[in-house]
C-alpha cells in the first residue's frame, strides 16, 4: 500500500510541474512561430491546463480502469466549482466578469449536462464522438467571443492578454532550443506522471478495497485541480474554472469514451456522482450570477457542500 501511495504522490508532483512546463513551453513556442495570441489563449493554454486530466483519464481507460477516468472528470468538476471557487471567495468576496457568467457559464453547464447524460448511457464510442464534436463547436464559440472582445476593446481582450502576455514575453527572452526543450520535457513529464499516478491509484483502490471511481474522484481529481487551487481567486475571476470544466467534460470525457469504448463504470458514478456534479455546477453558477459576485457565506456553503459530497463519491 505504501508503494502505491508514494506513486500517487510522485505522480501528482510530476504532473503539476510537468504540465506547467508544457503549457509555458508550448505557448511560448506557438508565439515564437507566429501563432496569434487569441489561439494561444483559447486553444493551447486551454488544452494544456487540462492535460493532467486528459492523460490520466486516457491511460486509465486504455488500461481497463475507466472508472478512474470518469471519476477524475466528475471529481475535478466538483472540486473546481466548490473547493477551488470556495477557497478563492472565502479569502475575499470574488467578483466575476459579467461576460463569463453570460457566455462561458451556460456553455460549461451544457457541456457538463451532455457529459452526464453520456455517462448515464454508458459513455460509448458514439457518445465520445458527440462530445468531441461539441468540443470543436465550443472552441469555435470561444474564439468567436474572444474576437468580439478584441474588437470591442480596440486592441485585444484584456483578460486574454493578461493570461498570455507573461508566457509570450518569457518565451521571447529564451532561445528556441530552450523553448522546444521545455515543451517536449513538459509533455514527457506529464505522460510519465500520469502513468505513475494511474498505477498508484489503481493499486490504492485494490489494496484498500475502494471503488476505483472514488479514488479518481478524490485523490486524482484533487491532485489535478491543485494548479487552479493555488491561483483560486484569479482562476475564478477569469472564468478558468468554467473553461476547465468544459474541457474536462468534452475533451477528457470524449477521450475516455473513444478509448474505453463503453467499458463498465460503477453505478455510483453514473448515479450519485453525476447528480452531485450537476447540483454543484448549478449552485456555483447561481452564486456567480447573483450580482456577478461570490461572497463569503456563499464560499462557505460551497466548501461545506464539497466536504459533504466526498463520502457520497465513495459509492462510485
C-alpha atoms as a PDB file:
ATOM      1  CA  UNK A   1       0.000   0.000   0.000  1.00  0.00           C
ATOM      2  CA  UNK A   2       2.816   2.406   0.893  1.00  0.00           C
ATOM      3  CA  UNK A   3       4.384   1.980  -2.543  1.00  0.00           C
ATOM      4  CA  UNK A   4       1.083   2.810  -4.240  1.00  0.00           C
ATOM      5  CA  UNK A   5       0.557   5.894  -2.054  1.00  0.00           C
ATOM      6  CA  UNK A   6       4.075   7.086  -2.829  1.00  0.00           C
ATOM      7  CA  UNK A   7       3.399   6.522  -6.524  1.00  0.00           C
ATOM      8  CA  UNK A   8       0.300   8.726  -6.251  1.00  0.00           C
ATOM      9  CA  UNK A   9       2.303  11.454  -4.531  1.00  0.00           C
ATOM     10  CA  UNK A  10       5.183  11.289  -7.023  1.00  0.00           C
ATOM     11  CA  UNK A  11       2.768  11.201  -9.947  1.00  0.00           C
ATOM     12  CA  UNK A  12       0.853  14.248  -8.706  1.00  0.00           C
ATOM     13  CA  UNK A  13       4.024  16.265  -8.105  1.00  0.00           C
ATOM     14  CA  UNK A  14       5.420  15.323 -11.511  1.00  0.00           C
ATOM     15  CA  UNK A  15       2.100  16.133 -13.181  1.00  0.00           C
ATOM     16  CA  UNK A  16       1.904  19.560 -11.556  1.00  0.00           C
ATOM     17  CA  UNK A  17       5.452  20.547 -12.506  1.00  0.00           C
ATOM     18  CA  UNK A  18       5.473  18.970 -15.963  1.00  0.00           C
ATOM     19  CA  UNK A  19       2.061  20.254 -17.046  1.00  0.00           C
ATOM     20  CA  UNK A  20       3.086  23.787 -16.067  1.00  0.00           C
ATOM     21  CA  UNK A  21       6.233  23.413 -18.190  1.00  0.00           C
ATOM     22  CA  UNK A  22       4.139  22.012 -21.035  1.00  0.00           C
ATOM     23  CA  UNK A  23       1.748  24.965 -21.014  1.00  0.00           C
ATOM     24  CA  UNK A  24       4.542  27.522 -20.707  1.00  0.00           C
ATOM     25  CA  UNK A  25       6.788  25.909 -23.308  1.00  0.00           C
ATOM     26  CA  UNK A  26       4.114  25.149 -25.904  1.00  0.00           C
ATOM     27  CA  UNK A  27       2.544  28.604 -25.539  1.00  0.00           C
ATOM     28  CA  UNK A  28       5.906  30.332 -25.901  1.00  0.00           C
ATOM     29  CA  UNK A  29       6.778  28.119 -28.866  1.00  0.00           C
ATOM     30  CA  UNK A  30       3.464  28.902 -30.559  1.00  0.00           C
ATOM     31  CA  UNK A  31       4.067  32.618 -30.037  1.00  0.00           C
ATOM     32  CA  UNK A  32       7.590  32.341 -31.469  1.00  0.00           C
ATOM     33  CA  UNK A  33       6.132  30.601 -34.532  1.00  0.00           C
ATOM     34  CA  UNK A  34       3.658  33.428 -35.084  1.00  0.00           C
ATOM     35  CA  UNK A  35       0.514  31.773 -33.744  1.00  0.00           C
ATOM     36  CA  UNK A  36      -1.965  34.534 -32.804  1.00  0.00           C
ATOM     37  CA  UNK A  37      -2.361  35.348 -29.116  1.00  0.00           C
ATOM     38  CA  UNK A  38      -6.051  34.502 -29.465  1.00  0.00           C
ATOM     39  CA  UNK A  39      -5.298  30.899 -30.445  1.00  0.00           C
ATOM     40  CA  UNK A  40      -2.634  30.555 -27.758  1.00  0.00           C
ATOM     41  CA  UNK A  41      -5.046  31.696 -25.065  1.00  0.00           C
ATOM     42  CA  UNK A  42      -8.153  29.793 -26.135  1.00  0.00           C
ATOM     43  CA  UNK A  43      -6.755  26.564 -27.553  1.00  0.00           C
ATOM     44  CA  UNK A  44      -3.183  25.877 -26.434  1.00  0.00           C
ATOM     45  CA  UNK A  45      -3.491  27.053 -22.833  1.00  0.00           C
ATOM     46  CA  UNK A  46      -6.990  25.559 -22.625  1.00  0.00           C
ATOM     47  CA  UNK A  47      -5.809  22.099 -23.613  1.00  0.00           C
ATOM     48  CA  UNK A  48      -2.557  22.455 -21.701  1.00  0.00           C
ATOM     49  CA  UNK A  49      -4.216  23.184 -18.370  1.00  0.00           C
ATOM     50  CA  UNK A  50      -6.432  20.097 -18.814  1.00  0.00           C
ATOM     51  CA  UNK A  51      -3.524  17.879 -19.874  1.00  0.00           C
ATOM     52  CA  UNK A  52      -3.223  16.128 -16.470  1.00  0.00           C
ATOM     53  CA  UNK A  53      -6.869  15.037 -16.522  1.00  0.00           C
ATOM     54  CA  UNK A  54      -6.623  14.199 -20.219  1.00  0.00           C
ATOM     55  CA  UNK A  55      -3.608  11.911 -19.900  1.00  0.00           C
ATOM     56  CA  UNK A  56      -4.591  10.322 -16.590  1.00  0.00           C
ATOM     57  CA  UNK A  57      -8.092   9.534 -17.846  1.00  0.00           C
ATOM     58  CA  UNK A  58      -6.908   8.325 -21.248  1.00  0.00           C
ATOM     59  CA  UNK A  59      -4.331   5.977 -19.728  1.00  0.00           C
ATOM     60  CA  UNK A  60      -6.849   4.718 -17.174  1.00  0.00           C
ATOM     61  CA  UNK A  61      -9.410   3.972 -19.893  1.00  0.00           C
ATOM     62  CA  UNK A  62      -6.794   2.247 -22.050  1.00  0.00           C
ATOM     63  CA  UNK A  63      -5.739   0.163 -19.032  1.00  0.00           C
ATOM     64  CA  UNK A  64      -9.266  -1.121 -18.384  1.00  0.00           C
ATOM     65  CA  UNK A  65      -9.804   1.258 -15.465  1.00  0.00           C
ATOM     66  CA  UNK A  66     -12.324   3.683 -16.993  1.00  0.00           C
ATOM     67  CA  UNK A  67     -13.864   4.386 -13.590  1.00  0.00           C
ATOM     68  CA  UNK A  68     -10.708   6.247 -12.565  1.00  0.00           C
ATOM     69  CA  UNK A  69     -11.006   8.442 -15.665  1.00  0.00           C
ATOM     70  CA  UNK A  70     -14.711   9.127 -15.223  1.00  0.00           C
ATOM     71  CA  UNK A  71     -14.210   9.697 -11.503  1.00  0.00           C
ATOM     72  CA  UNK A  72     -11.397  12.156 -12.259  1.00  0.00           C
ATOM     73  CA  UNK A  73     -13.650  14.220 -14.533  1.00  0.00           C
ATOM     74  CA  UNK A  74     -16.560  14.184 -12.100  1.00  0.00           C
ATOM     75  CA  UNK A  75     -14.377  14.867  -9.060  1.00  0.00           C
ATOM     76  CA  UNK A  76     -12.366  17.584 -10.796  1.00  0.00           C
ATOM     77  CA  UNK A  77     -15.505  19.372 -11.998  1.00  0.00           C
ATOM     78  CA  UNK A  78     -16.969  19.209  -8.497  1.00  0.00           C
ATOM     79  CA  UNK A  79     -13.729  20.425  -6.890  1.00  0.00           C
ATOM     80  CA  UNK A  80     -13.339  23.333  -9.321  1.00  0.00           C
ATOM     81  CA  UNK A  81     -16.743  24.820  -8.553  1.00  0.00           C
ATOM     82  CA  UNK A  82     -16.875  24.057  -4.822  1.00  0.00           C
ATOM     83  CA  UNK A  83     -13.418  23.627  -3.290  1.00  0.00           C
ATOM     84  CA  UNK A  84     -11.445  25.964  -5.582  1.00  0.00           C
ATOM     85  CA  UNK A  85     -14.162  28.590  -6.009  1.00  0.00           C
ATOM     86  CA  UNK A  86     -14.971  28.395  -2.298  1.00  0.00           C
ATOM     87  CA  UNK A  87     -11.353  28.910  -1.216  1.00  0.00           C
ATOM     88  CA  UNK A  88     -10.945  31.839  -3.601  1.00  0.00           C
ATOM     89  CA  UNK A  89     -14.092  33.614  -2.428  1.00  0.00           C
ATOM     90  CA  UNK A  90     -13.561  32.851   1.250  1.00  0.00           C
ATOM     91  CA  UNK A  91     -10.380  34.945   1.287  1.00  0.00           C
ATOM     92  CA  UNK A  92     -12.286  37.930  -0.100  1.00  0.00           C
ATOM     93  CA  UNK A  93     -15.596  38.448  -1.952  1.00  0.00           C
ATOM     94  CA  UNK A  94     -14.892  37.456  -5.527  1.00  0.00           C
ATOM     95  CA  UNK A  95     -16.103  39.498  -8.491  1.00  0.00           C
ATOM     96  CA  UNK A  96     -16.753  37.508 -11.663  1.00  0.00           C
ATOM     97  CA  UNK A  97     -16.777  39.150 -15.079  1.00  0.00           C
ATOM     98  CA  UNK A  98     -20.297  39.542 -16.470  1.00  0.00           C
ATOM     99  CA  UNK A  99     -19.214  38.109 -19.819  1.00  0.00           C
ATOM    100  CA  UNK A 100     -18.048  34.948 -18.073  1.00  0.00           C
ATOM    101  CA  UNK A 101     -21.434  34.441 -16.401  1.00  0.00           C
ATOM    102  CA  UNK A 102     -23.442  35.224 -19.539  1.00  0.00           C
ATOM    103  CA  UNK A 103     -21.407  33.242 -22.071  1.00  0.00           C
ATOM    104  CA  UNK A 104     -18.914  30.740 -20.627  1.00  0.00           C
ATOM    105  CA  UNK A 105     -21.176  29.669 -17.750  1.00  0.00           C
ATOM    106  CA  UNK A 106     -24.094  28.364 -19.877  1.00  0.00           C
ATOM    107  CA  UNK A 107     -21.653  26.713 -22.290  1.00  0.00           C
ATOM    108  CA  UNK A 108     -19.816  24.986 -19.436  1.00  0.00           C
ATOM    109  CA  UNK A 109     -23.078  23.865 -17.849  1.00  0.00           C
ATOM    110  CA  UNK A 110     -24.325  22.489 -21.180  1.00  0.00           C
ATOM    111  CA  UNK A 111     -21.090  20.535 -21.645  1.00  0.00           C
ATOM    112  CA  UNK A 112     -21.432  19.129 -18.126  1.00  0.00           C
ATOM    113  CA  UNK A 113     -25.040  18.086 -18.743  1.00  0.00           C
ATOM    114  CA  UNK A 114     -24.163  16.328 -22.015  1.00  0.00           C
ATOM    115  CA  UNK A 115     -21.258  14.536 -20.339  1.00  0.00           C
ATOM    116  CA  UNK A 116     -23.582  13.471 -17.508  1.00  0.00           C
ATOM    117  CA  UNK A 117     -26.100  12.051 -19.987  1.00  0.00           C
ATOM    118  CA  UNK A 118     -23.284  10.238 -21.808  1.00  0.00           C
ATOM    119  CA  UNK A 119     -22.050   8.672 -18.547  1.00  0.00           C
ATOM    120  CA  UNK A 120     -25.571   7.593 -17.646  1.00  0.00           C
ATOM    121  CA  UNK A 121     -25.873   5.965 -21.072  1.00  0.00           C
ATOM    122  CA  UNK A 122     -22.601   4.058 -20.758  1.00  0.00           C
ATOM    123  CA  UNK A 123     -20.107   6.507 -22.316  1.00  0.00           C
ATOM    124  CA  UNK A 124     -19.973   4.565 -25.581  1.00  0.00           C
ATOM    125  CA  UNK A 125     -17.843   5.478 -28.615  1.00  0.00           C
ATOM    126  CA  UNK A 126     -20.752   7.239 -30.379  1.00  0.00           C
ATOM    127  CA  UNK A 127     -21.097   9.415 -27.291  1.00  0.00           C
ATOM    128  CA  UNK A 128     -17.380  10.043 -27.450  1.00  0.00           C
ATOM    129  CA  UNK A 129     -17.731  11.371 -30.974  1.00  0.00           C
ATOM    130  CA  UNK A 130     -20.625  13.580 -29.884  1.00  0.00           C
ATOM    131  CA  UNK A 131     -18.538  15.031 -27.066  1.00  0.00           C
ATOM    132  CA  UNK A 132     -15.569  15.694 -29.364  1.00  0.00           C
ATOM    133  CA  UNK A 133     -17.794  17.367 -31.958  1.00  0.00           C
ATOM    134  CA  UNK A 134     -19.261  19.570 -29.239  1.00  0.00           C
ATOM    135  CA  UNK A 135     -15.696  20.365 -28.162  1.00  0.00           C
ATOM    136  CA  UNK A 136     -14.972  21.674 -31.655  1.00  0.00           C
ATOM    137  CA  UNK A 137     -18.137  23.764 -31.618  1.00  0.00           C
ATOM    138  CA  UNK A 138     -17.275  25.130 -28.177  1.00  0.00           C
ATOM    139  CA  UNK A 139     -13.765  26.090 -29.274  1.00  0.00           C
ATOM    140  CA  UNK A 140     -15.283  27.910 -32.237  1.00  0.00           C
ATOM    141  CA  UNK A 141     -17.591  29.845 -29.927  1.00  0.00           C
ATOM    142  CA  UNK A 142     -14.756  30.707 -27.537  1.00  0.00           C
ATOM    143  CA  UNK A 143     -12.644  32.011 -30.411  1.00  0.00           C
ATOM    144  CA  UNK A 144     -15.587  33.991 -31.765  1.00  0.00           C
ATOM    145  CA  UNK A 145     -16.249  35.572 -28.369  1.00  0.00           C
ATOM    146  CA  UNK A 146     -12.578  36.373 -27.934  1.00  0.00           C
ATOM    147  CA  UNK A 147     -12.565  38.054 -31.356  1.00  0.00           C
ATOM    148  CA  UNK A 148     -15.626  40.075 -30.365  1.00  0.00           C
ATOM    149  CA  UNK A 149     -13.921  41.102 -27.117  1.00  0.00           C
ATOM    150  CA  UNK A 150     -10.811  42.114 -29.039  1.00  0.00           C
ATOM    151  CA  UNK A 151     -12.813  44.228 -31.456  1.00  0.00           C
ATOM    152  CA  UNK A 152     -14.704  45.879 -28.613  1.00  0.00           C
ATOM    153  CA  UNK A 153     -11.514  46.592 -26.651  1.00  0.00           C
ATOM    154  CA  UNK A 154      -9.764  48.019 -29.692  1.00  0.00           C
ATOM    155  CA  UNK A 155      -6.502  46.126 -29.368  1.00  0.00           C
ATOM    156  CA  UNK A 156      -7.398  42.892 -27.672  1.00  0.00           C
ATOM    157  CA  UNK A 157      -9.271  41.333 -24.793  1.00  0.00           C
ATOM    158  CA  UNK A 158      -7.623  42.449 -21.566  1.00  0.00           C
ATOM    159  CA  UNK A 159      -8.361  39.171 -19.771  1.00  0.00           C
ATOM    160  CA  UNK A 160      -6.883  37.152 -22.602  1.00  0.00           C
ATOM    161  CA  UNK A 161      -3.816  39.400 -22.847  1.00  0.00           C
ATOM    162  CA  UNK A 162      -3.209  39.146 -19.106  1.00  0.00           C
ATOM    163  CA  UNK A 163      -3.291  35.359 -19.318  1.00  0.00           C
ATOM    164  CA  UNK A 164      -0.991  35.036 -22.325  1.00  0.00           C
ATOM    165  CA  UNK A 165       1.350  38.047 -22.317  1.00  0.00           C
ATOM    166  CA  UNK A 166       3.554  36.823 -19.479  1.00  0.00           C
ATOM    167  CA  UNK A 167       4.076  33.484 -21.170  1.00  0.00           C
ATOM    168  CA  UNK A 168       4.871  35.062 -24.536  1.00  0.00           C
ATOM    169  CA  UNK A 169       7.258  37.632 -23.093  1.00  0.00           C
ATOM    170  CA  UNK A 170       9.101  34.908 -21.197  1.00  0.00           C
ATOM    171  CA  UNK A 171       9.374  32.831 -24.368  1.00  0.00           C
ATOM    172  CA  UNK A 172      10.763  35.737 -26.361  1.00  0.00           C
ATOM    173  CA  UNK A 173      13.725  36.070 -23.983  1.00  0.00           C
ATOM    174  CA  UNK A 174      14.822  32.455 -24.377  1.00  0.00           C
ATOM    175  CA  UNK A 175      16.483  30.601 -27.235  1.00  0.00           C
ATOM    176  CA  UNK A 176      14.284  28.467 -29.462  1.00  0.00           C
ATOM    177  CA  UNK A 177      16.068  25.287 -28.358  1.00  0.00           C
ATOM    178  CA  UNK A 178      15.237  26.056 -24.718  1.00  0.00           C
ATOM    179  CA  UNK A 179      11.574  26.684 -25.511  1.00  0.00           C
ATOM    180  CA  UNK A 180      11.306  23.478 -27.567  1.00  0.00           C
ATOM    181  CA  UNK A 181      13.074  21.539 -24.827  1.00  0.00           C
ATOM    182  CA  UNK A 182      10.682  22.858 -22.203  1.00  0.00           C
ATOM    183  CA  UNK A 183       7.632  21.918 -24.270  1.00  0.00           C
ATOM    184  CA  UNK A 184       8.923  18.401 -25.030  1.00  0.00           C
ATOM    185  CA  UNK A 185      10.144  17.886 -21.476  1.00  0.00           C
ATOM    186  CA  UNK A 186       6.795  19.008 -20.131  1.00  0.00           C
ATOM    187  CA  UNK A 187       4.977  16.597 -22.455  1.00  0.00           C
ATOM    188  CA  UNK A 188       7.159  13.630 -21.498  1.00  0.00           C
ATOM    189  CA  UNK A 189       6.986  14.517 -17.802  1.00  0.00           C
ATOM    190  CA  UNK A 190       3.202  14.830 -17.930  1.00  0.00           C
ATOM    191  CA  UNK A 191       2.886  11.449 -19.628  1.00  0.00           C
ATOM    192  CA  UNK A 192       5.199   9.758 -17.120  1.00  0.00           C
ATOM    193  CA  UNK A 193       3.488  11.437 -14.169  1.00  0.00           C
ATOM    194  CA  UNK A 194       0.073  10.365 -15.465  1.00  0.00           C
ATOM    195  CA  UNK A 195       1.225   6.761 -15.856  1.00  0.00           C
ATOM    196  CA  UNK A 196       2.731   6.656 -12.356  1.00  0.00           C
ATOM    197  CA  UNK A 197      -0.406   8.234 -10.862  1.00  0.00           C
ATOM    198  CA  UNK A 198      -2.743   5.784 -12.606  1.00  0.00           C
ATOM    199  CA  UNK A 199      -0.647   2.819 -11.426  1.00  0.00           C
ATOM    200  CA  UNK A 200      -0.665   4.140  -7.875  1.00  0.00           C
ATOM    201  CA  UNK A 201      -4.389   4.967  -7.910  1.00  0.00           C
ATOM    202  CA  UNK A 202      -5.369   1.515  -9.172  1.00  0.00           C
ATOM    203  CA  UNK A 203      -3.130  -0.069  -6.547  1.00  0.00           C
ATOM    204  CA  UNK A 204      -4.586   2.004  -3.707  1.00  0.00           C
ATOM    205  CA  UNK A 205      -8.128   1.165  -4.797  1.00  0.00           C
ATOM    206  CA  UNK A 206      -7.424  -2.555  -4.874  1.00  0.00           C
ATOM    207  CA  UNK A 207      -5.411  -2.681  -1.647  1.00  0.00           C
ATOM    208  CA  UNK A 208      -7.992  -0.646   0.272  1.00  0.00           C
ATOM    209  CA  UNK A 209     -10.987  -2.345  -1.405  1.00  0.00           C
ATOM    210  CA  UNK A 210     -12.287   1.046  -2.509  1.00  0.00           C
ATOM    211  CA  UNK A 211     -14.079   1.738  -5.796  1.00  0.00           C
ATOM    212  CA  UNK A 212     -11.676   2.983  -8.462  1.00  0.00           C
ATOM    213  CA  UNK A 213     -14.136   5.762  -9.216  1.00  0.00           C
ATOM    214  CA  UNK A 214     -13.819   7.058  -5.656  1.00  0.00           C
ATOM    215  CA  UNK A 215     -10.015   7.202  -5.934  1.00  0.00           C
ATOM    216  CA  UNK A 216     -10.351   9.042  -9.230  1.00  0.00           C
ATOM    217  CA  UNK A 217     -12.917  11.475  -7.841  1.00  0.00           C
ATOM    218  CA  UNK A 218     -10.857  12.293  -4.737  1.00  0.00           C
ATOM    219  CA  UNK A 219      -7.087  11.708  -4.782  1.00  0.00           C
ATOM    220  CA  UNK A 220      -6.636  12.079  -8.537  1.00  0.00           C
ATOM    221  CA  UNK A 221      -9.212  14.846  -9.012  1.00  0.00           C
ATOM    222  CA  UNK A 222      -7.906  16.983  -6.144  1.00  0.00           C
ATOM    223  CA  UNK A 223      -4.337  16.495  -7.345  1.00  0.00           C
ATOM    224  CA  UNK A 224      -5.108  17.548 -10.894  1.00  0.00           C
ATOM    225  CA  UNK A 225      -7.043  20.570  -9.571  1.00  0.00           C
ATOM    226  CA  UNK A 226      -4.122  21.834  -7.476  1.00  0.00           C
ATOM    227  CA  UNK A 227      -2.975  24.412 -10.087  1.00  0.00           C
ATOM    228  CA  UNK A 228      -6.411  26.032 -10.024  1.00  0.00           C
ATOM    229  CA  UNK A 229      -6.473  25.851  -6.223  1.00  0.00           C
ATOM    230  CA  UNK A 230      -3.137  27.693  -5.930  1.00  0.00           C
ATOM    231  CA  UNK A 231      -4.495  30.604  -8.002  1.00  0.00           C
ATOM    232  CA  UNK A 232      -8.134  30.192  -6.967  1.00  0.00           C
ATOM    233  CA  UNK A 233      -9.174  33.854  -6.996  1.00  0.00           C
ATOM    234  CA  UNK A 234      -7.581  34.654 -10.358  1.00  0.00           C
ATOM    235  CA  UNK A 235      -8.872  31.452 -11.938  1.00  0.00           C
ATOM    236  CA  UNK A 236     -12.455  32.099 -10.833  1.00  0.00           C
ATOM    237  CA  UNK A 237     -12.387  35.759 -11.849  1.00  0.00           C
ATOM    238  CA  UNK A 238     -11.178  34.998 -15.391  1.00  0.00           C
ATOM    239  CA  UNK A 239     -13.543  32.084 -15.855  1.00  0.00           C
ATOM    240  CA  UNK A 240     -10.747  29.492 -15.960  1.00  0.00           C
ATOM    241  CA  UNK A 241     -12.728  27.160 -13.696  1.00  0.00           C
ATOM    242  CA  UNK A 242     -15.615  27.076 -16.157  1.00  0.00           C
ATOM    243  CA  UNK A 243     -13.209  26.568 -19.036  1.00  0.00           C
ATOM    244  CA  UNK A 244     -11.519  23.723 -17.182  1.00  0.00           C
ATOM    245  CA  UNK A 245     -14.856  22.029 -16.567  1.00  0.00           C
ATOM    246  CA  UNK A 246     -15.790  22.436 -20.222  1.00  0.00           C
ATOM    247  CA  UNK A 247     -12.542  20.822 -21.400  1.00  0.00           C
ATOM    248  CA  UNK A 248     -12.880  18.071 -18.794  1.00  0.00           C
ATOM    249  CA  UNK A 249     -16.411  17.190 -19.858  1.00  0.00           C
ATOM    250  CA  UNK A 250     -15.882  17.331 -23.621  1.00  0.00           C
ATOM    251  CA  UNK A 251     -12.194  16.651 -24.302  1.00  0.00           C
ATOM    252  CA  UNK A 252     -11.442  14.260 -21.440  1.00  0.00           C
ATOM    253  CA  UNK A 253     -14.898  12.684 -21.494  1.00  0.00           C
ATOM    254  CA  UNK A 254     -14.699  12.222 -25.254  1.00  0.00           C
ATOM    255  CA  UNK A 255     -11.268  10.596 -24.988  1.00  0.00           C
ATOM    256  CA  UNK A 256     -12.432   8.168 -22.288  1.00  0.00           C
ATOM    257  CA  UNK A 257     -15.411   7.141 -24.416  1.00  0.00           C
ATOM    258  CA  UNK A 258     -13.401   6.651 -27.600  1.00  0.00           C
ATOM    259  CA  UNK A 259     -10.564   4.749 -25.889  1.00  0.00           C
ATOM    260  CA  UNK A 260     -12.681   2.821 -23.400  1.00  0.00           C
ATOM    261  CA  UNK A 261     -15.495   2.070 -25.816  1.00  0.00           C
ATOM    262  CA  UNK A 262     -18.300   1.869 -23.291  1.00  0.00           C
ATOM    263  CA  UNK A 263     -16.349  -0.072 -20.663  1.00  0.00           C
ATOM    264  CA  UNK A 264     -18.293  -0.635 -17.455  1.00  0.00           C
ATOM    265  CA  UNK A 265     -18.430   2.251 -14.975  1.00  0.00           C
ATOM    266  CA  UNK A 266     -19.822   1.759 -11.478  1.00  0.00           C
ATOM    267  CA  UNK A 267     -23.439   2.603 -10.787  1.00  0.00           C
ATOM    268  CA  UNK A 268     -22.361   5.052  -8.087  1.00  0.00           C
ATOM    269  CA  UNK A 269     -20.593   7.276 -10.600  1.00  0.00           C
ATOM    270  CA  UNK A 270     -23.487   7.054 -13.050  1.00  0.00           C
ATOM    271  CA  UNK A 271     -25.952   7.928 -10.296  1.00  0.00           C
ATOM    272  CA  UNK A 272     -24.684   9.789  -7.240  1.00  0.00           C
ATOM    273  CA  UNK A 273     -21.526  11.122  -8.906  1.00  0.00           C
ATOM    274  CA  UNK A 274     -23.334  12.593 -11.884  1.00  0.00           C
ATOM    275  CA  UNK A 275     -26.095  14.064  -9.700  1.00  0.00           C
ATOM    276  CA  UNK A 276     -23.597  15.723  -7.339  1.00  0.00           C
ATOM    277  CA  UNK A 277     -21.613  17.147 -10.265  1.00  0.00           C
ATOM    278  CA  UNK A 278     -24.738  18.705 -11.808  1.00  0.00           C
ATOM    279  CA  UNK A 279     -26.002  20.015  -8.467  1.00  0.00           C
ATOM    280  CA  UNK A 280     -22.670  21.642  -7.575  1.00  0.00           C
ATOM    281  CA  UNK A 281     -22.395  23.175 -11.055  1.00  0.00           C
ATOM    282  CA  UNK A 282     -25.884  24.661 -10.839  1.00  0.00           C
ATOM    283  CA  UNK A 283     -25.318  26.002  -7.314  1.00  0.00           C
ATOM    284  CA  UNK A 284     -21.975  27.603  -8.183  1.00  0.00           C
ATOM    285  CA  UNK A 285     -23.361  29.235 -11.307  1.00  0.00           C
ATOM    286  CA  UNK A 286     -26.325  30.531  -9.304  1.00  0.00           C
ATOM    287  CA  UNK A 287     -23.939  32.181  -6.838  1.00  0.00           C
ATOM    288  CA  UNK A 288     -21.762  33.588  -9.630  1.00  0.00           C
ATOM    289  CA  UNK A 289     -24.816  35.049 -11.358  1.00  0.00           C
ATOM    290  CA  UNK A 290     -26.029  36.939  -8.287  1.00  0.00           C
ATOM    291  CA  UNK A 291     -24.629  40.427  -8.821  1.00  0.00           C
ATOM    292  CA  UNK A 292     -21.653  38.797 -10.587  1.00  0.00           C
ATOM    293  CA  UNK A 293     -20.006  38.197  -7.228  1.00  0.00           C
ATOM    294  CA  UNK A 294     -19.401  35.268  -4.871  1.00  0.00           C
ATOM    295  CA  UNK A 295     -19.432  36.435  -1.242  1.00  0.00           C
ATOM    296  CA  UNK A 296     -18.034  34.737   1.849  1.00  0.00           C
ATOM    297  CA  UNK A 297     -21.201  32.989   3.021  1.00  0.00           C
ATOM    298  CA  UNK A 298     -21.642  31.521  -0.450  1.00  0.00           C
ATOM    299  CA  UNK A 299     -17.997  30.433  -0.424  1.00  0.00           C
ATOM    300  CA  UNK A 300     -18.520  28.738   2.944  1.00  0.00           C
ATOM    301  CA  UNK A 301     -21.606  26.996   1.597  1.00  0.00           C
ATOM    302  CA  UNK A 302     -19.646  25.670  -1.396  1.00  0.00           C
ATOM    303  CA  UNK A 303     -16.900  24.323   0.877  1.00  0.00           C
ATOM    304  CA  UNK A 304     -19.469  22.609   3.112  1.00  0.00           C
ATOM    305  CA  UNK A 305     -21.094  21.092   0.030  1.00  0.00           C
ATOM    306  CA  UNK A 306     -17.725  19.742  -1.100  1.00  0.00           C
ATOM    307  CA  UNK A 307     -16.992  18.154   2.279  1.00  0.00           C
ATOM    308  CA  UNK A 308     -20.458  16.613   2.395  1.00  0.00           C
ATOM    309  CA  UNK A 309     -20.182  15.181  -1.117  1.00  0.00           C
ATOM    310  CA  UNK A 310     -16.876  13.341  -0.531  1.00  0.00           C
ATOM    311  CA  UNK A 311     -18.480  10.417   1.346  1.00  0.00           C
ATOM    312  CA  UNK A 312     -21.158  10.196  -1.345  1.00  0.00           C
ATOM    313  CA  UNK A 313     -18.497   9.755  -4.027  1.00  0.00           C
ATOM    314  CA  UNK A 314     -17.312   6.613  -2.240  1.00  0.00           C
ATOM    315  CA  UNK A 315     -20.353   4.955  -3.781  1.00  0.00           C
ATOM    316  CA  UNK A 316     -18.581   5.263  -7.174  1.00  0.00           C
END
